[in-house]
Amino acid sequence: MTIRSSKDLGAAIRRARKAQKLKQVDLAMMASLRQPLISELENGTTNATVDTVLKVLAALELDLTVMPRRKASFDPTEY
């Protein structure tokens, strides 16, 4: 999945959480975070730290991979 915005990241986290049949409160406990932060992260309405994102991804047993972008036109409105 290509993630280019906080909303994309939130959608990916929500999709993974639901696929594992977890509630936000379950994920929050697994990542040692508060449930409202999980909600904000899933909605793309927080400026979460990289550490926080990595905790959530680890709790969901997901990895973060960084790779070069495909050659495409840059759209600053995506950010």
Protein backbone atom coordinates (compact mmCIF):
# COMPACT_ATOMS: atom_id res chain seq x y z
CA MET A 1 0.00 0.00 0.00
CA THR A 2 1.28 3.46 -0.86
CA ILE A 3 0.92 5.99 1.94
CA ARG A 4 1.37 9.64 1.13
CA SER A 5 -0.65 11.38 3.82
CA SER A 6 -1.70 11.03 7.43
CA LYS A 7 -5.17 10.03 6.21
CA ASP A 8 -3.66 7.21 4.12
CA LEU A 9 -1.70 6.01 7.16
CA GLY A 10 -4.79 6.15 9.35
CA ALA A 11 -6.82 4.18 6.84
CA ALA A 12 -4.12 1.50 6.66
CA ILE A 13 -4.00 1.23 10.45
CA ARG A 14 -7.79 1.04 10.70
CA ARG A 15 -7.94 -1.64 7.99
CA ALA A 16 -5.26 -3.74 9.74
CA ARG A 17 -6.93 -3.31 13.15
CA LYS A 18 -10.32 -4.39 11.82
CA ALA A 19 -8.79 -7.33 9.92
CA GLN A 20 -7.46 -8.54 13.27
CA LYS A 21 -10.89 -7.96 14.87
CA LEU A 22 -9.47 -5.50 17.39
CA LYS A 23 -11.21 -2.52 18.93
CA GLN A 24 -9.38 0.78 19.22
CA VAL A 25 -9.08 0.26 22.97
CA ASP A 26 -7.47 -3.16 22.39
CA LEU A 27 -4.91 -1.67 20.02
CA ALA A 28 -4.24 1.19 22.41
CA MET A 29 -3.51 -1.26 25.23
CA MET A 30 -1.26 -3.37 23.00
CA ALA A 31 0.72 -0.27 21.97
CA SER A 32 0.71 1.29 25.48
CA LEU A 33 -1.17 4.33 24.19
CA ARG A 34 -4.51 6.03 24.88
CA GLN A 35 -7.56 5.08 22.82
CA PRO A 36 -8.27 8.69 21.73
CA LEU A 37 -4.81 8.80 20.13
CA ILE A 38 -5.62 5.67 18.11
CA SER A 39 -8.84 7.34 16.95
CA GLU A 40 -6.99 10.53 15.96
CA LEU A 41 -4.33 8.50 14.17
CA GLU A 42 -6.92 6.52 12.21
CA ASN A 43 -8.72 9.73 11.26
CA GLY A 44 -5.50 11.47 10.20
CA THR A 45 -6.11 14.28 12.68
CA THR A 46 -2.99 14.01 14.81
CA ASN A 47 0.65 14.88 14.37
CA ALA A 48 1.81 11.61 15.91
CA THR A 49 5.50 11.07 16.43
CA VAL A 50 7.34 8.46 14.43
CA ASP A 51 7.81 6.53 17.68
CA THR A 52 4.04 6.45 18.23
CA VAL A 53 3.38 5.24 14.69
CA LEU A 54 6.03 2.53 15.08
CA LYS A 55 4.44 1.37 18.36
CA VAL A 56 1.06 1.02 16.66
CA LEU A 57 2.54 -0.78 13.65
CA ALA A 58 4.46 -3.16 15.93
CA ALA A 59 1.30 -3.90 17.92
CA LEU A 60 -0.41 -4.80 14.63
CA GLU A 61 2.64 -6.84 13.56
CA LEU A 62 3.20 -4.55 10.57
CA ASP A 63 6.49 -3.23 9.18
CA LEU A 64 7.24 0.18 7.75
CA THR A 65 9.08 0.10 4.43
CA VAL A 66 10.51 3.18 2.74
CA MET A 67 11.24 3.05 -0.97
CA PRO A 68 11.80 5.46 -3.84
CA ARG A 69 8.69 6.94 -5.39
CA ARG A 70 7.64 5.98 -8.84
CA LYS A 71 8.09 8.75 -11.33
CA ALA A 72 4.84 10.68 -11.15
CA SER A 73 3.82 14.28 -11.12
CA PHE A 74 4.08 15.95 -7.73
CA ASP A 75 0.78 17.14 -6.28
CA PRO A 76 1.35 19.36 -3.22
CA THR A 77 -2.35 19.23 -2.35
CA GLU A 78 -1.82 15.61 -1.24
CA TYR A 79 0.02 16.92 1.83
